[in-house]
Protein backbone atom coordinates (compact mmCIF):
# COMPACT_ATOMS: atom_id res chain seq x y z
CA MET A 1 -35.14 -96.81 22.64
CA ALA A 2 -34.94 -95.11 19.28
CA PRO A 3 -31.98 -92.77 18.77
CA PRO A 4 -32.81 -89.04 19.08
CA TRP A 5 -31.98 -88.29 15.42
CA PRO A 6 -33.88 -89.25 12.27
CA ALA A 7 -33.06 -92.60 10.75
CA SER A 8 -32.91 -90.92 7.35
CA ALA A 9 -29.94 -88.76 8.39
CA HIS A 10 -27.45 -91.47 7.29
CA LEU A 11 -25.06 -90.53 10.09
CA PRO A 12 -21.85 -92.57 10.45
CA VAL A 13 -21.86 -95.22 13.13
CA TYR A 14 -19.11 -95.40 15.79
CA PRO A 15 -19.44 -98.65 17.83
CA ASP A 16 -18.21 -98.57 21.39
CA ARG A 17 -16.06 -101.26 22.92
CA ASP A 18 -18.89 -103.77 23.45
CA SER A 19 -20.60 -102.85 20.14
CA ARG A 20 -23.99 -102.55 21.87
CA ARG A 21 -24.42 -98.78 21.50
CA ILE A 22 -23.83 -96.22 18.80
CA HIS A 23 -22.91 -92.54 19.19
CA PRO A 24 -23.65 -89.79 16.68
CA PRO A 25 -20.93 -87.26 15.80
CA LEU A 26 -21.19 -83.89 17.46
CA PRO A 27 -23.50 -81.67 15.40
CA ALA A 28 -22.00 -78.63 13.73
CA SER A 29 -22.91 -75.32 15.29
CA THR A 30 -25.86 -73.58 13.71
CA ASP A 31 -25.16 -70.36 15.59
CA PRO A 32 -23.69 -67.82 13.09
CA ALA A 33 -22.01 -65.87 15.90
CA ALA A 34 -20.32 -69.02 17.22
CA THR A 35 -19.18 -69.97 13.73
CA ARG A 36 -17.76 -66.48 13.25
CA ARG A 37 -15.93 -66.64 16.59
CA GLN A 38 -14.48 -70.02 15.67
CA GLY A 39 -13.24 -68.62 12.35
CA GLN A 40 -11.67 -65.62 14.06
CA PHE A 41 -9.93 -67.90 16.55
CA LEU A 42 -8.47 -70.05 13.77
CA ASP A 43 -7.36 -66.93 11.91
CA ARG A 44 -5.52 -65.70 15.01
CA ILE A 45 -3.79 -69.06 15.42
CA ALA A 46 -2.76 -69.10 11.75
CA LYS A 47 -1.43 -65.55 12.02
CA ARG A 48 0.65 -66.42 15.08
CA VAL A 49 2.08 -69.50 13.40
CA ARG A 50 2.86 -67.50 10.27
CA THR A 51 4.52 -64.70 12.24
CA THR A 52 6.64 -67.10 14.28
CA ALA A 53 7.65 -69.18 11.28
CA GLY A 54 8.44 -66.08 9.24
CA ALA A 55 10.69 -64.70 11.97
CA GLN A 56 12.60 -67.98 12.21
CA VAL A 57 13.11 -68.13 8.45
CA ARG A 58 14.19 -64.49 8.18
CA ALA A 59 16.79 -65.16 10.86
CA LEU A 60 18.60 -67.40 8.37
CA THR A 61 19.57 -64.36 6.30
CA ARG A 62 19.43 -61.58 8.89
CA SER A 63 22.28 -59.15 8.38
CA ASN A 64 24.64 -58.27 11.21
CA SER A 65 26.11 -55.33 9.29
CA GLY A 66 24.56 -52.80 11.67
CA LEU A 67 22.79 -51.06 8.78
CA THR A 68 19.05 -50.45 8.78
CA LEU A 69 17.33 -49.81 5.46
CA ASP A 70 14.00 -48.03 5.06
CA TYR A 71 12.05 -49.74 2.28
CA ASP A 72 8.98 -47.56 2.90
CA ASN A 73 10.53 -44.15 2.24
CA PRO A 74 10.91 -41.74 0.59
CA PRO A 75 7.54 -41.79 -1.22
CA GLY A 76 7.74 -42.13 -4.97
CA ASP A 77 11.40 -43.26 -4.98
CA ALA A 78 11.83 -46.09 -7.53
CA GLY A 79 15.35 -46.98 -6.45
CA LEU A 80 17.87 -48.13 -9.04
CA PHE A 81 15.40 -50.15 -11.11
CA GLY A 82 11.71 -49.63 -10.36
CA PRO A 83 8.88 -52.17 -10.05
CA ASP A 84 8.76 -53.04 -13.76
CA ALA A 85 12.29 -54.44 -13.68
CA ILE A 86 12.82 -58.15 -14.14
CA CYS A 87 15.19 -58.20 -11.18
CA TRP A 88 12.30 -57.13 -8.93
CA ARG A 89 10.55 -60.33 -9.97
CA VAL A 90 13.56 -62.65 -9.79
CA HIS A 91 14.85 -61.38 -6.44
CA ALA A 92 11.43 -61.48 -4.77
CA ASP A 93 11.28 -65.25 -4.24
CA PHE A 94 13.03 -66.17 -1.00
CA PRO A 95 13.35 -69.97 -1.56
CA ALA A 96 14.81 -69.57 -5.05
CA MET A 97 17.16 -66.80 -3.91
CA LEU A 98 18.38 -68.85 -0.94
CA ALA A 99 19.13 -71.81 -3.18
CA GLY A 100 20.75 -69.42 -5.66
CA GLY A 101 22.87 -67.95 -2.87
CA VAL A 102 24.24 -71.40 -2.01
CA SER A 103 25.07 -72.02 -5.66
CA ALA A 104 26.69 -68.59 -6.02
CA LEU A 105 28.92 -69.05 -2.97
CA LEU A 106 30.11 -72.45 -4.19
CA MET A 107 30.78 -71.07 -7.67
CA GLN A 108 32.73 -68.08 -6.34
CA THR A 109 35.08 -70.29 -4.34
CA LEU A 110 36.31 -71.95 -7.53
CA HIS A 111 38.27 -68.80 -8.38
CA PRO A 112 41.49 -69.05 -6.29
CA LEU A 113 41.97 -65.28 -5.97
CA ALA A 114 38.35 -64.60 -5.03
CA LEU A 115 38.52 -67.41 -2.47
CA ALA A 116 41.82 -66.14 -1.05
CA GLY A 117 40.32 -62.72 -0.36
CA VAL A 118 37.35 -64.18 1.47
CA TRP A 119 39.49 -66.74 3.31
CA ASP A 120 41.97 -64.15 4.59
CA HIS A 121 39.67 -61.22 5.32
CA SER A 122 36.29 -62.68 6.26
CA THR A 123 34.83 -64.43 9.28
CA PHE A 124 32.64 -66.64 7.11
CA ARG A 125 34.11 -69.89 8.46
CA ALA A 126 32.94 -68.95 11.95
CA ASP A 127 29.88 -66.98 10.85
CA MET A 128 28.57 -68.39 7.58
CA GLN A 129 25.06 -67.22 8.45
CA GLY A 130 26.29 -63.65 8.95
CA ARG A 131 28.02 -63.73 5.58
CA LEU A 132 24.82 -64.89 3.88
CA GLY A 133 22.86 -62.23 5.76
CA ARG A 134 25.12 -59.39 4.65
CA THR A 135 24.95 -60.57 1.05
CA ALA A 136 21.17 -60.86 1.27
CA GLN A 137 20.91 -57.31 2.63
CA PHE A 138 23.07 -55.98 -0.20
CA ILE A 139 20.99 -57.73 -2.88
CA ALA A 140 17.68 -56.67 -1.32
CA GLY A 141 18.81 -53.10 -0.69
CA THR A 142 20.20 -52.51 -4.17
CA THR A 143 17.11 -54.10 -5.73
CA TYR A 144 14.24 -52.70 -3.63
CA GLY A 145 15.75 -49.92 -1.55
CA SER A 146 15.57 -46.21 -2.29
CA ARG A 147 18.24 -44.86 -4.56
CA ALA A 148 20.03 -43.26 -1.61
CA ASP A 149 20.05 -46.52 0.38
CA ALA A 150 21.22 -48.53 -2.64
CA MET A 151 24.10 -46.14 -3.29
CA SER A 152 25.04 -46.15 0.40
CA LEU A 153 25.33 -49.94 0.32
CA ILE A 154 27.45 -49.81 -2.82
CA ASP A 155 29.73 -47.11 -1.39
CA ARG A 156 30.13 -49.09 1.84
CA VAL A 157 31.18 -52.23 -0.06
CA ARG A 158 33.65 -50.22 -2.14
CA ARG A 159 35.24 -48.82 1.02
CA ILE A 160 35.59 -52.31 2.49
CA HIS A 161 37.04 -53.70 -0.75
CA ALA A 162 39.67 -50.96 -0.85
CA HIS A 163 41.37 -52.50 2.20
CA VAL A 164 41.22 -56.16 1.14
CA ARG A 165 44.65 -57.04 -0.24
CA GLY A 166 46.90 -60.06 0.00
CA SER A 167 48.51 -63.00 -1.70
CA ALA A 168 46.95 -66.31 -2.67
CA PRO A 169 48.65 -69.58 -1.61
CA ASP A 170 50.38 -69.71 -5.02
CA GLY A 171 51.92 -66.27 -4.41
CA ARG A 172 49.73 -64.29 -6.78
CA PRO A 173 48.51 -60.97 -5.39
CA TYR A 174 44.81 -60.25 -5.09
CA ALA A 175 42.67 -57.19 -4.41
CA ALA A 176 38.95 -57.21 -3.69
CA ASP A 177 38.44 -54.16 -5.91
CA ASP A 178 40.11 -55.84 -8.89
CA PRO A 179 37.58 -55.22 -11.70
CA ALA A 180 38.05 -58.73 -13.09
CA LEU A 181 37.38 -60.37 -9.70
CA LEU A 182 34.32 -58.17 -9.19
CA THR A 183 32.97 -59.35 -12.53
CA TRP A 184 33.51 -63.00 -11.56
CA VAL A 185 31.74 -62.61 -8.22
CA HIS A 186 28.87 -60.77 -9.91
CA VAL A 187 28.36 -63.32 -12.70
CA ALA A 188 28.52 -66.25 -10.27
CA GLU A 189 25.80 -64.58 -8.20
CA VAL A 190 23.34 -63.40 -10.82
CA SER A 191 23.58 -66.52 -12.99
CA SER A 192 22.78 -68.58 -9.89
CA PHE A 193 19.88 -66.32 -8.89
CA LEU A 194 18.37 -66.56 -12.36
CA ALA A 195 18.88 -70.33 -12.45
CA GLY A 196 17.10 -70.59 -9.11
CA TYR A 197 14.12 -68.60 -10.38
CA LEU A 198 13.85 -70.63 -13.59
CA ARG A 199 14.04 -73.94 -11.75
CA TYR A 200 12.00 -73.26 -8.62
CA VAL A 201 9.57 -70.48 -9.60
CA GLY A 202 8.74 -70.44 -13.29
CA PRO A 203 9.87 -69.64 -16.81
CA LEU A 204 11.13 -66.37 -18.23
CA GLY A 205 11.45 -65.65 -21.93
CA GLU A 206 14.89 -65.24 -23.45
CA ALA A 207 14.34 -61.50 -23.84
CA GLU A 208 13.35 -61.23 -20.16
CA GLN A 209 16.46 -63.14 -19.12
CA ASP A 210 18.59 -60.78 -21.21
CA ARG A 211 16.85 -57.83 -19.54
CA TYR A 212 17.67 -59.28 -16.14
CA TYR A 213 21.38 -59.53 -16.91
CA ASN A 214 21.38 -56.05 -18.43
CA GLU A 215 19.69 -54.58 -15.33
CA VAL A 216 21.89 -56.11 -12.66
CA ALA A 217 25.08 -55.30 -14.58
CA GLN A 218 24.51 -51.73 -13.38
CA VAL A 219 25.24 -52.71 -9.77
CA ALA A 220 28.41 -54.60 -10.73
CA GLU A 221 29.69 -51.61 -12.67
CA LEU A 222 28.93 -49.24 -9.80
CA LEU A 223 31.07 -51.52 -7.62
CA GLY A 224 33.91 -51.21 -10.14
CA ALA A 225 33.50 -54.30 -12.33
CA THR A 226 34.38 -54.05 -16.02
CA GLY A 227 33.45 -56.10 -19.06
CA VAL A 228 30.26 -57.25 -17.35
CA PRO A 229 28.21 -59.61 -19.58
CA ARG A 230 24.70 -58.30 -20.21
CA SER A 231 22.88 -61.21 -21.87
CA ARG A 232 22.38 -64.97 -21.59
CA ALA A 233 24.77 -65.61 -24.45
CA ALA A 234 27.39 -63.26 -23.01
CA VAL A 235 27.15 -64.87 -19.56
CA ALA A 236 27.48 -68.38 -21.02
CA ALA A 237 30.52 -67.29 -23.07
CA TYR A 238 32.07 -65.60 -20.03
CA LEU A 239 31.70 -68.69 -17.81
CA GLU A 240 33.20 -70.92 -20.49
CA ALA A 241 36.15 -68.55 -20.93
CA MET A 242 36.75 -68.48 -17.16
CA ARG A 243 36.96 -72.25 -16.69
CA PRO A 244 40.76 -72.50 -17.25
CA GLN A 245 41.27 -70.03 -14.36
CA LEU A 246 39.19 -72.04 -11.88
CA GLU A 247 40.33 -74.77 -9.52
CA ALA A 248 39.06 -76.77 -6.58
CA SER A 249 41.49 -76.74 -3.70
CA ALA A 250 41.37 -78.01 -0.13
CA ARG A 251 40.06 -74.56 0.81
CA THR A 252 37.29 -74.84 -1.77
CA ARG A 253 36.21 -78.21 -0.41
CA GLU A 254 36.25 -76.82 3.13
CA VAL A 255 33.82 -74.08 2.09
CA ALA A 256 31.59 -76.67 0.43
CA ARG A 257 31.62 -78.70 3.66
CA LEU A 258 30.68 -75.63 5.70
CA VAL A 259 27.83 -74.79 3.33
CA MET A 260 26.41 -78.28 3.63
CA LYS A 261 26.69 -78.14 7.44
CA LEU A 262 25.44 -74.57 7.84
CA PRO A 263 24.62 -74.18 11.55
CA VAL A 264 21.24 -72.74 12.46
CA ALA A 265 20.01 -71.51 15.83
CA ASN A 266 16.69 -73.35 15.63
CA PRO A 267 17.14 -77.14 15.28
CA MET A 268 13.70 -77.37 13.68
CA LEU A 269 15.08 -75.49 10.65
CA VAL A 270 17.93 -77.94 10.04
CA PRO A 271 15.97 -80.13 7.57
CA ALA A 272 14.86 -77.04 5.63
CA VAL A 273 18.43 -75.73 5.44
CA ARG A 274 19.68 -79.10 4.18
CA VAL A 275 17.00 -79.11 1.50
CA MET A 276 18.08 -75.62 0.45
CA ALA A 277 21.74 -76.65 0.30
CA HIS A 278 21.00 -79.51 -2.07
CA ALA A 279 18.64 -77.29 -4.07
CA GLY A 280 21.56 -74.87 -4.51
CA ILE A 281 23.96 -77.62 -5.59
CA ALA A 282 21.43 -78.67 -8.22
CA LEU A 283 21.72 -75.19 -9.80
CA LEU A 284 25.45 -75.48 -10.46
CA PRO A 285 26.69 -76.22 -13.98
CA ASP A 286 27.71 -79.85 -14.42
CA TRP A 287 31.38 -78.94 -14.70
CA ALA A 288 31.24 -76.95 -11.43
CA ARG A 289 29.64 -79.87 -9.55
CA GLN A 290 32.37 -82.15 -10.88
CA MET A 291 35.12 -79.76 -9.75
CA LEU A 292 33.55 -79.52 -6.30
CA GLU A 293 33.13 -83.31 -6.13
CA LEU A 294 29.40 -82.85 -5.58
CA ASP A 295 28.30 -84.80 -8.64
CA GLY A 296 28.35 -88.29 -7.10
CA PRO A 297 25.19 -90.37 -6.67
CA SER A 298 23.29 -89.37 -3.58
CA ILE A 299 19.85 -90.33 -2.35
CA ARG A 300 19.71 -87.08 -0.38
CA ARG A 301 19.66 -84.78 -3.38
CA PRO A 302 16.60 -86.24 -5.16
CA VAL A 303 14.79 -86.38 -1.83
CA SER A 304 15.78 -82.77 -1.11
CA LEU A 305 14.66 -81.57 -4.54
CA ALA A 306 11.32 -83.30 -4.02
CA GLY A 307 11.17 -81.64 -0.61
CA MET A 308 11.75 -78.26 -2.25
CA ARG A 309 8.35 -78.58 -3.93
CA VAL A 310 6.79 -78.72 -0.46
CA LEU A 311 9.20 -76.40 1.33
CA ALA A 312 9.12 -73.49 -1.11
CA PRO A 313 5.34 -72.83 -0.89
CA THR A 314 5.54 -73.13 2.90
CA LEU A 315 8.32 -70.54 3.08
CA ARG A 316 6.42 -68.19 0.78
CA TRP A 317 3.35 -68.48 3.01
CA ALA A 318 5.40 -67.87 6.16
CA LEU A 319 7.18 -64.82 4.76
CA GLY A 320 4.20 -63.13 3.14
CA ALA A 321 4.54 -60.44 0.49
CA GLY A 322 8.01 -59.31 1.60
CA LEU A 323 10.18 -56.36 0.63
CA ALA A 324 9.00 -56.19 -2.98
CA ALA A 325 5.45 -55.36 -1.83
CA ARG A 326 6.72 -52.68 0.55
CA ALA A 327 8.85 -51.14 -2.17
CA ARG A 328 5.90 -51.13 -4.58
CA ARG A 329 3.81 -49.25 -2.05
CA ARG A 330 6.65 -46.74 -1.58
CA VAL A 331 6.91 -46.11 -5.31
CA ALA A 332 3.13 -45.79 -5.67
CA ARG A 333 2.84 -43.14 -2.96
CA ALA A 334 2.96 -39.55 -4.12
CA ALA A 335 6.10 -37.71 -3.19
């Protein structure tokens, strides 16, 4: 018996087990309504996957500070910077900022007085994720929040810093509101954030990079920092001048170990977190990696950096437009 489809259709042949019969593939639906329903079903599935994945990723940097920020109000409020600022662009990319956050934390621990303050007055060893979440909220709020919310965050941090006092293991006193320490913490952060953007997102001109440093210096100064570098050249000179004051102690190496073993609630996110940790290490200056003993040959790091090229677009898809888009809509709305 002849098959019930034209011989000229050139359909693929799928032999059965005894090779005596052939079966055509199922024909595609020619019903427009059925095709539309199928498309809507796939869209719903994709939306659910995206929502679930986005929630799991956001949990990595969810703040437990108890503060809730309103990025949608008040209408017309441009915050500290406004949507034309370079920092709005740099701070908008979650994968690059997460890698930059890892780099910043490792850099900060090289200053013995900065590390002593965190070691003695923070729960980061038991709650590293909470520490990252509070930092992420501060960066997001001061970048994209309303002016009132940004200033509230800054005032809150200043109040906390006022009570952080102590002595480092070598006997030197420290204070979290020491202007010099605030400058170190700031430069370690923003240089890492910018390095993350340049490596994992795209290029910025030298003038744009200088604008970035000039913009974010405002936040450091509002926190009480002094002598804040405001350009690429100034940041490079500052880091070079600070090197004699830096050291890698047993405490520093313990922090590095905790960063590399950052616990996450969802085991499925463990590979992604490990990729991000290595992506952050790759942002460190060579001398910082050497001090932290993270410069040795490792097959994991090249594999992780290659994985970043796959992971970063996936995270961007899962998270959607994010806070920057909400803040833009707020600014665009008439007051």
